[in-house]
N, C-alpha and C. Protein backbone atom coordinates (compact mmCIF):
# COMPACT_ATOMS: atom_id res chain seq x y z
N UNK A 1 -89.74 73.42 -23.46
CA UNK A 1 -88.85 73.27 -22.27
C UNK A 1 -88.60 74.97 -21.66
N UNK A 2 -89.10 75.33 -20.88
CA UNK A 2 -89.11 77.04 -20.82
C UNK A 2 -88.04 76.87 -19.13
N UNK A 3 -86.91 77.60 -19.70
CA UNK A 3 -86.18 77.95 -18.42
C UNK A 3 -86.37 79.05 -17.67
N UNK A 4 -86.71 79.96 -17.90
CA UNK A 4 -86.92 81.22 -16.64
C UNK A 4 -87.60 82.44 -18.17
N UNK A 5 -88.45 82.93 -17.36
CA UNK A 5 -88.81 84.35 -18.53
C UNK A 5 -88.31 85.69 -18.01
N UNK A 6 -87.56 86.52 -18.84
CA UNK A 6 -86.92 87.75 -18.84
C UNK A 6 -87.90 88.41 -19.56
N UNK A 7 -87.88 89.23 -18.33
CA UNK A 7 -88.80 91.10 -19.18
C UNK A 7 -90.10 90.27 -19.81
N UNK A 8 -90.87 89.41 -19.10
CA UNK A 8 -91.56 88.38 -19.95
C UNK A 8 -91.52 87.74 -21.03
N UNK A 9 -90.79 87.39 -21.25
CA UNK A 9 -90.14 86.93 -22.78
C UNK A 9 -89.79 85.42 -21.88
N UNK A 10 -89.85 84.25 -23.18
CA UNK A 10 -89.30 82.76 -21.70
C UNK A 10 -88.46 82.63 -23.08
N UNK A 11 -87.63 82.27 -22.28
CA UNK A 11 -86.30 82.09 -22.80
C UNK A 11 -85.94 80.44 -22.72
N UNK A 12 -85.71 79.53 -23.74
CA UNK A 12 -85.68 78.47 -23.99
C UNK A 12 -84.29 78.10 -24.57
N UNK A 13 -83.51 76.91 -24.39
CA UNK A 13 -83.24 76.15 -25.27
C UNK A 13 -83.36 76.43 -26.65
N UNK A 14 -84.54 76.07 -26.74
CA UNK A 14 -84.12 76.64 -28.52
C UNK A 14 -84.36 77.96 -28.92
N UNK A 15 -84.63 78.74 -28.29
CA UNK A 15 -85.01 80.10 -28.79
C UNK A 15 -83.09 80.98 -28.66
N UNK A 16 -82.46 80.10 -27.79
CA UNK A 16 -81.24 80.48 -27.64
C UNK A 16 -80.15 80.06 -28.98
N UNK A 17 -80.83 78.88 -29.52
CA UNK A 17 -80.01 78.03 -30.42
C UNK A 17 -80.55 79.05 -32.01
N UNK A 18 -81.68 79.27 -32.08
CA UNK A 18 -81.85 80.63 -33.30
C UNK A 18 -81.41 81.22 -33.25
N UNK A 19 -80.99 81.95 -31.66
CA UNK A 19 -80.72 83.20 -31.60
C UNK A 19 -78.70 83.25 -32.18
N UNK A 20 -78.05 82.54 -31.84
CA UNK A 20 -76.49 81.61 -31.63
C UNK A 20 -76.54 80.55 -32.29
N UNK A 21 -76.70 80.69 -33.94
CA UNK A 21 -76.29 78.76 -34.28
C UNK A 21 -75.34 78.49 -34.30
N UNK A 22 -75.11 77.39 -34.26
CA UNK A 22 -73.51 76.63 -34.08
C UNK A 22 -73.20 76.30 -35.92
N UNK A 23 -72.15 77.00 -36.17
CA UNK A 23 -71.71 76.98 -38.01
C UNK A 23 -71.26 75.67 -37.80
N UNK A 24 -71.11 74.72 -38.78
CA UNK A 24 -70.30 73.49 -39.08
C UNK A 24 -69.07 73.56 -38.46
N UNK A 25 -68.11 74.14 -39.02
CA UNK A 25 -66.84 74.11 -38.06
C UNK A 25 -66.79 73.97 -36.82
N UNK A 26 -67.36 75.00 -36.21
CA UNK A 26 -67.58 75.09 -34.62
C UNK A 26 -68.00 74.04 -33.90
N UNK A 27 -69.21 73.26 -34.81
CA UNK A 27 -69.30 72.09 -34.44
C UNK A 27 -68.06 71.00 -34.28
N UNK A 28 -67.54 70.70 -35.62
CA UNK A 28 -66.47 69.95 -36.19
C UNK A 28 -65.27 69.63 -34.92
N UNK A 29 -64.89 71.72 -34.92
CA UNK A 29 -64.21 71.79 -33.93
C UNK A 29 -64.23 71.19 -32.39
N UNK A 30 -65.64 71.24 -32.07
CA UNK A 30 -65.68 70.92 -30.52
C UNK A 30 -65.94 68.94 -30.84
N UNK A 31 -66.38 68.79 -31.57
CA UNK A 31 -66.66 66.86 -31.76
C UNK A 31 -65.47 66.40 -31.67
N UNK A 32 -64.35 67.02 -32.27
CA UNK A 32 -62.98 66.67 -32.68
C UNK A 32 -62.59 66.88 -31.24
N UNK A 33 -62.95 68.15 -30.58
CA UNK A 33 -61.60 68.08 -28.99
C UNK A 33 -62.53 67.32 -28.38
N UNK A 34 -64.12 66.83 -28.25
CA UNK A 34 -64.23 65.58 -27.42
C UNK A 34 -63.83 64.27 -27.80
N UNK A 35 -63.52 63.61 -29.15
CA UNK A 35 -63.02 62.85 -29.46
C UNK A 35 -61.52 62.71 -29.10
N UNK A 36 -60.68 63.54 -28.67
CA UNK A 36 -59.29 63.65 -28.69
C UNK A 36 -59.06 63.73 -27.01
N UNK A 37 -60.20 64.05 -26.14
CA UNK A 37 -60.06 64.11 -25.02
C UNK A 37 -60.50 62.89 -24.49
N UNK A 38 -61.56 62.03 -24.83
CA UNK A 38 -61.84 60.91 -24.74
C UNK A 38 -61.40 59.68 -25.04
N UNK A 39 -60.79 60.07 -26.06
CA UNK A 39 -59.24 58.62 -26.36
C UNK A 39 -58.22 59.20 -25.35
N UNK A 40 -58.20 60.61 -25.51
CA UNK A 40 -56.75 59.66 -24.20
C UNK A 40 -56.72 59.58 -23.00
N UNK A 41 -58.15 59.83 -22.32
CA UNK A 41 -58.61 59.39 -21.11
C UNK A 41 -58.95 58.18 -20.87
N UNK A 42 -59.55 57.50 -22.18
CA UNK A 42 -59.57 56.01 -23.01
C UNK A 42 -57.79 55.16 -22.56
N UNK A 43 -56.81 56.25 -23.26
CA UNK A 43 -55.52 55.39 -23.56
C UNK A 43 -54.91 55.53 -21.74
N UNK A 44 -54.85 56.58 -21.10
CA UNK A 44 -54.70 56.74 -19.78
C UNK A 44 -54.94 55.80 -19.21
N UNK A 45 -56.41 55.00 -19.32
CA UNK A 45 -56.99 54.33 -18.00
C UNK A 45 -56.35 52.80 -18.54
N UNK A 46 -56.71 52.22 -20.17
CA UNK A 46 -55.71 51.27 -20.41
C UNK A 46 -54.11 51.16 -20.11
N UNK A 47 -53.19 52.20 -20.28
CA UNK A 47 -51.73 52.27 -19.84
C UNK A 47 -51.74 51.82 -18.45
N UNK A 48 -52.66 52.57 -17.36
CA UNK A 48 -52.99 52.31 -16.20
C UNK A 48 -53.17 51.21 -15.59
N UNK A 49 -53.91 50.24 -16.67
CA UNK A 49 -54.57 49.05 -16.12
C UNK A 49 -53.62 47.81 -16.46
N UNK A 50 -52.41 47.92 -17.56
CA UNK A 50 -51.94 47.64 -17.63
C UNK A 50 -50.43 47.47 -16.76
N UNK A 51 -50.59 48.58 -16.10
CA UNK A 51 -49.19 48.20 -15.10
C UNK A 51 -49.21 47.26 -13.97
N UNK A 52 -48.29 46.70 -13.97
CA UNK A 52 -48.80 45.57 -12.47
C UNK A 52 -48.96 46.28 -11.54
N UNK A 53 -48.01 46.95 -10.92
CA UNK A 53 -48.22 48.04 -9.81
C UNK A 53 -49.61 48.18 -9.41
N UNK A 54 -50.21 48.70 -10.63
CA UNK A 54 -51.75 49.12 -10.42
C UNK A 54 -52.77 47.93 -10.15
N UNK A 55 -52.64 46.95 -10.76
CA UNK A 55 -53.29 45.50 -10.66
C UNK A 55 -52.99 45.12 -9.46
N UNK A 56 -51.84 45.06 -9.16
CA UNK A 56 -51.63 44.40 -7.41
C UNK A 56 -52.12 45.31 -6.52
N UNK A 57 -52.29 46.35 -6.76
CA UNK A 57 -53.01 47.31 -5.91
C UNK A 57 -54.26 46.94 -6.04
N UNK A 58 -55.08 47.29 -6.88
CA UNK A 58 -56.86 47.03 -7.14
C UNK A 58 -57.26 45.98 -7.08
N UNK A 59 -56.86 44.61 -7.24
CA UNK A 59 -56.57 43.65 -7.74
C UNK A 59 -56.58 42.59 -6.61
N UNK A 60 -55.42 42.79 -5.20
CA UNK A 60 -55.08 42.27 -4.37
C UNK A 60 -54.84 42.92 -3.05
N UNK A 61 -54.15 43.49 -2.88
CA UNK A 61 -54.18 44.21 -1.53
C UNK A 61 -54.86 45.18 -1.48
N UNK A 62 -55.78 46.15 -1.69
CA UNK A 62 -56.88 46.58 -1.50
C UNK A 62 -57.70 45.89 -0.37
N UNK A 63 -58.62 45.11 -1.77
CA UNK A 63 -59.51 44.10 -1.28
C UNK A 63 -59.21 43.09 0.17
N UNK A 64 -57.62 42.42 -0.16
CA UNK A 64 -57.12 41.64 1.32
C UNK A 64 -57.07 42.88 2.06
N UNK A 65 -57.11 43.84 2.13
CA UNK A 65 -56.78 44.79 3.07
C UNK A 65 -57.78 45.33 3.81
N UNK A 66 -59.36 45.04 2.71
CA UNK A 66 -60.69 45.53 3.23
C UNK A 66 -60.83 44.11 3.80
N UNK A 67 -60.39 43.15 3.55
CA UNK A 67 -60.98 41.83 4.02
C UNK A 67 -60.35 41.27 5.03
N UNK A 68 -59.70 41.98 5.75
CA UNK A 68 -58.58 42.04 7.24
C UNK A 68 -59.76 42.95 8.07
N UNK A 69 -60.40 43.97 7.78
CA UNK A 69 -61.22 44.44 8.72
C UNK A 69 -60.81 45.52 8.45
N UNK A 70 -59.80 46.53 7.75
CA UNK A 70 -60.17 47.46 7.73
C UNK A 70 -60.81 48.73 6.73
N UNK A 71 -60.78 50.30 6.54
CA UNK A 71 -61.68 50.83 5.89
C UNK A 71 -61.39 50.85 4.47
N UNK A 72 -61.61 51.07 3.20
CA UNK A 72 -61.51 51.97 2.27
C UNK A 72 -60.43 52.81 1.96
N UNK A 73 -60.37 53.55 2.99
CA UNK A 73 -59.54 54.63 3.21
C UNK A 73 -58.26 53.80 3.34
N UNK A 74 -58.23 53.49 4.94
CA UNK A 74 -57.35 52.79 5.30
C UNK A 74 -56.43 51.92 4.64
N UNK A 75 -57.06 51.05 3.44
CA UNK A 75 -56.58 50.00 2.71
C UNK A 75 -56.06 50.76 1.43
N UNK A 76 -56.51 52.02 1.21
CA UNK A 76 -55.94 52.51 0.02
C UNK A 76 -54.50 53.14 0.01
N UNK A 77 -54.31 53.97 1.55
CA UNK A 77 -53.40 54.68 1.68
C UNK A 77 -52.59 53.40 2.21
N UNK A 78 -52.52 52.34 2.49
CA UNK A 78 -51.81 51.28 3.46
C UNK A 78 -50.92 50.44 1.67
N UNK A 79 -52.12 50.52 1.01
CA UNK A 79 -51.75 50.00 -0.42
C UNK A 79 -50.72 50.63 -1.23
N UNK A 80 -51.16 51.89 -1.28
CA UNK A 80 -50.65 52.79 -1.99
C UNK A 80 -48.93 53.10 -1.37
N UNK A 81 -48.77 53.35 -0.16
CA UNK A 81 -47.60 53.17 0.41
C UNK A 81 -46.64 51.98 -0.17
N UNK A 82 -47.59 50.74 -0.08
CA UNK A 82 -46.79 49.38 -0.36
C UNK A 82 -46.58 49.45 -1.80
N UNK A 83 -47.12 50.15 -2.34
CA UNK A 83 -46.64 50.11 -4.47
C UNK A 83 -45.72 51.26 -4.20
N UNK A 84 -45.60 52.15 -3.54
CA UNK A 84 -44.65 53.03 -3.74
C UNK A 84 -42.90 52.33 -3.23
N UNK A 85 -43.24 51.67 -2.35
CA UNK A 85 -41.81 51.15 -1.42
C UNK A 85 -41.73 49.95 -2.42
N UNK A 86 -42.90 49.12 -3.72
CA UNK A 86 -42.22 48.16 -4.16
C UNK A 86 -41.84 48.57 -5.27
N UNK A 87 -41.96 50.46 -5.80
CA UNK A 87 -41.70 50.57 -7.15
C UNK A 87 -40.30 51.65 -6.89
N UNK A 88 -39.70 51.80 -5.62
CA UNK A 88 -38.37 52.10 -5.01
C UNK A 88 -37.46 50.43 -5.29
N UNK A 89 -37.65 49.69 -5.33
CA UNK A 89 -37.12 48.24 -5.08
C UNK A 89 -37.14 47.18 -6.43
N UNK A 90 -37.99 47.21 -7.20
CA UNK A 90 -38.69 46.61 -8.34
C UNK A 90 -38.72 47.72 -9.59
N UNK A 91 -38.30 47.29 -10.85
CA UNK A 91 -38.48 47.63 -11.91
C UNK A 91 -39.94 46.68 -12.20
N UNK A 92 -40.78 47.60 -13.09
CA UNK A 92 -41.75 47.09 -14.00
C UNK A 92 -41.43 45.93 -14.03
N UNK A 93 -40.92 45.70 -15.23
CA UNK A 93 -40.34 44.22 -15.57
C UNK A 93 -40.53 43.29 -13.84
N UNK A 94 -39.43 43.50 -13.45
CA UNK A 94 -39.09 43.14 -12.21
C UNK A 94 -40.28 42.22 -11.85
N UNK A 95 -41.44 43.20 -11.91
CA UNK A 95 -42.10 43.08 -9.93
C UNK A 95 -43.19 42.50 -11.04
N UNK A 96 -43.38 43.13 -12.75
CA UNK A 96 -44.03 41.57 -13.11
C UNK A 96 -43.83 40.24 -13.16
N UNK A 97 -42.66 39.98 -13.34
CA UNK A 97 -42.06 38.47 -12.92
C UNK A 97 -42.61 38.13 -11.42
N UNK A 98 -42.66 38.85 -10.32
CA UNK A 98 -42.71 38.68 -8.80
C UNK A 98 -44.26 38.58 -8.74
N UNK A 99 -44.94 39.52 -9.49
CA UNK A 99 -46.62 39.52 -9.24
C UNK A 99 -47.24 37.97 -10.04
N UNK A 100 -46.53 37.58 -11.16
CA UNK A 100 -46.85 36.67 -11.89
C UNK A 100 -46.64 35.16 -10.73
N UNK A 101 -45.64 35.47 -10.34
CA UNK A 101 -45.04 34.47 -9.37
C UNK A 101 -46.12 34.23 -8.25
N UNK A 102 -46.17 35.77 -7.60
CA UNK A 102 -47.55 35.57 -6.81
C UNK A 102 -48.84 35.45 -6.91
N UNK A 103 -49.76 35.50 -8.23
CA UNK A 103 -50.57 34.79 -8.11
C UNK A 103 -50.40 32.93 -8.67
N UNK A 104 -49.44 32.75 -9.12
CA UNK A 104 -49.36 31.35 -9.70
C UNK A 104 -49.10 30.22 -7.92
N UNK A 105 -49.39 31.42 -7.12
CA UNK A 105 -49.09 30.75 -5.92
C UNK A 105 -47.52 30.56 -5.34
N UNK A 106 -46.85 31.12 -5.59
CA UNK A 106 -45.29 30.85 -5.21
C UNK A 106 -45.30 31.46 -3.51
N UNK A 107 -44.85 30.71 -2.84
CA UNK A 107 -44.79 31.44 -1.20
C UNK A 107 -44.12 32.22 -1.22
N UNK A 108 -42.80 32.31 -1.92
CA UNK A 108 -41.46 33.12 -1.80
C UNK A 108 -42.19 34.68 -2.09
N UNK A 109 -42.79 35.05 -3.26
CA UNK A 109 -43.51 36.09 -3.68
C UNK A 109 -44.95 36.43 -2.81
N UNK A 110 -44.95 35.54 -2.42
CA UNK A 110 -46.46 36.09 -1.51
C UNK A 110 -45.40 36.66 -0.06
N UNK A 111 -44.50 35.78 0.65
CA UNK A 111 -44.05 36.44 1.64
C UNK A 111 -42.84 37.53 1.41
N UNK A 112 -42.57 38.14 0.20
CA UNK A 112 -42.23 39.32 -0.07
C UNK A 112 -42.93 40.53 -0.34
N UNK A 113 -44.33 40.59 -0.74
CA UNK A 113 -44.99 41.22 -1.03
C UNK A 113 -45.95 41.47 0.64
N UNK A 114 -46.13 40.50 0.89
CA UNK A 114 -46.87 40.54 2.13
C UNK A 114 -45.86 41.62 3.39
N UNK A 115 -44.40 41.34 3.27
CA UNK A 115 -43.35 42.04 4.00
C UNK A 115 -43.73 43.40 3.97
N UNK A 116 -44.00 43.98 2.05
CA UNK A 116 -43.82 44.92 2.16
C UNK A 116 -45.08 46.12 2.40
N UNK A 117 -45.93 44.57 2.62
CA UNK A 117 -47.55 45.15 2.98
C UNK A 117 -47.57 45.31 4.58
N UNK A 118 -46.83 44.45 5.45
CA UNK A 118 -46.06 44.39 6.80
C UNK A 118 -46.14 46.32 7.31
N UNK A 119 -44.83 46.56 6.20
CA UNK A 119 -44.44 47.29 7.01
C UNK A 119 -45.22 48.75 6.24
N UNK A 120 -45.64 48.83 5.61
CA UNK A 120 -46.61 49.77 5.88
C UNK A 120 -47.76 50.07 6.42
N UNK A 121 -48.44 48.86 6.61
CA UNK A 121 -49.90 49.00 7.33
C UNK A 121 -49.11 49.62 9.03
N UNK A 122 -48.02 48.81 9.20
CA UNK A 122 -47.09 49.32 11.13
C UNK A 122 -47.31 50.57 10.49
N UNK A 123 -46.78 51.37 9.34
CA UNK A 123 -46.54 53.30 9.36
C UNK A 123 -48.19 53.63 9.49
N UNK A 124 -48.49 52.79 8.78
CA UNK A 124 -50.04 53.88 8.24
C UNK A 124 -50.76 54.10 9.82
N UNK A 125 -50.90 52.75 10.17
CA UNK A 125 -51.75 52.54 11.35
C UNK A 125 -50.98 53.45 12.14
N UNK A 126 -49.80 53.30 12.51
CA UNK A 126 -49.48 54.16 13.68
C UNK A 126 -49.45 55.79 13.48
N UNK A 127 -49.15 55.90 12.25
CA UNK A 127 -49.95 57.63 12.03
C UNK A 127 -51.52 58.08 12.32
N UNK A 128 -52.01 57.18 12.25
CA UNK A 128 -53.75 56.75 12.61
C UNK A 128 -53.75 56.78 14.15
N UNK A 129 -53.15 56.18 15.02
CA UNK A 129 -53.44 55.95 16.02
C UNK A 129 -53.12 57.16 16.74
N UNK A 130 -51.47 57.48 16.27
CA UNK A 130 -51.22 58.92 17.40
C UNK A 130 -51.32 60.40 16.71
N UNK A 131 -52.09 60.42 16.10
CA UNK A 131 -52.54 61.75 15.16
C UNK A 131 -53.02 62.61 16.12
N UNK A 132 -52.97 63.90 15.65
CA UNK A 132 -52.67 64.30 17.06
C UNK A 132 -54.63 65.39 16.54
């Protein structure tokens, strides 16, 4: 696998590897850093996925907004606003209960969430329409 020629000598990965061998300590250090980094990313994604606000935004709000004819960007903007408003009003546990009621078909929970969504959609769409 030739990469390029320098002074009529071929430079390849294999020749670089022979010239600069990695010692075992370096390999172990790099491997450990990669594993720790991947573990951190995985943990953050799992924690975010368990968040009821995130679940509501990703599983309900954005898909419903797109189904209503909004673009992905508009839906995301409106749903982010909605989630921020809900986070100001509800603790994670209280919202988790409200979201569970919504998923079980409770009309009061649906009206509550819809009201927050309508308020944000009005604000966001007004900003889009009157943007300079």
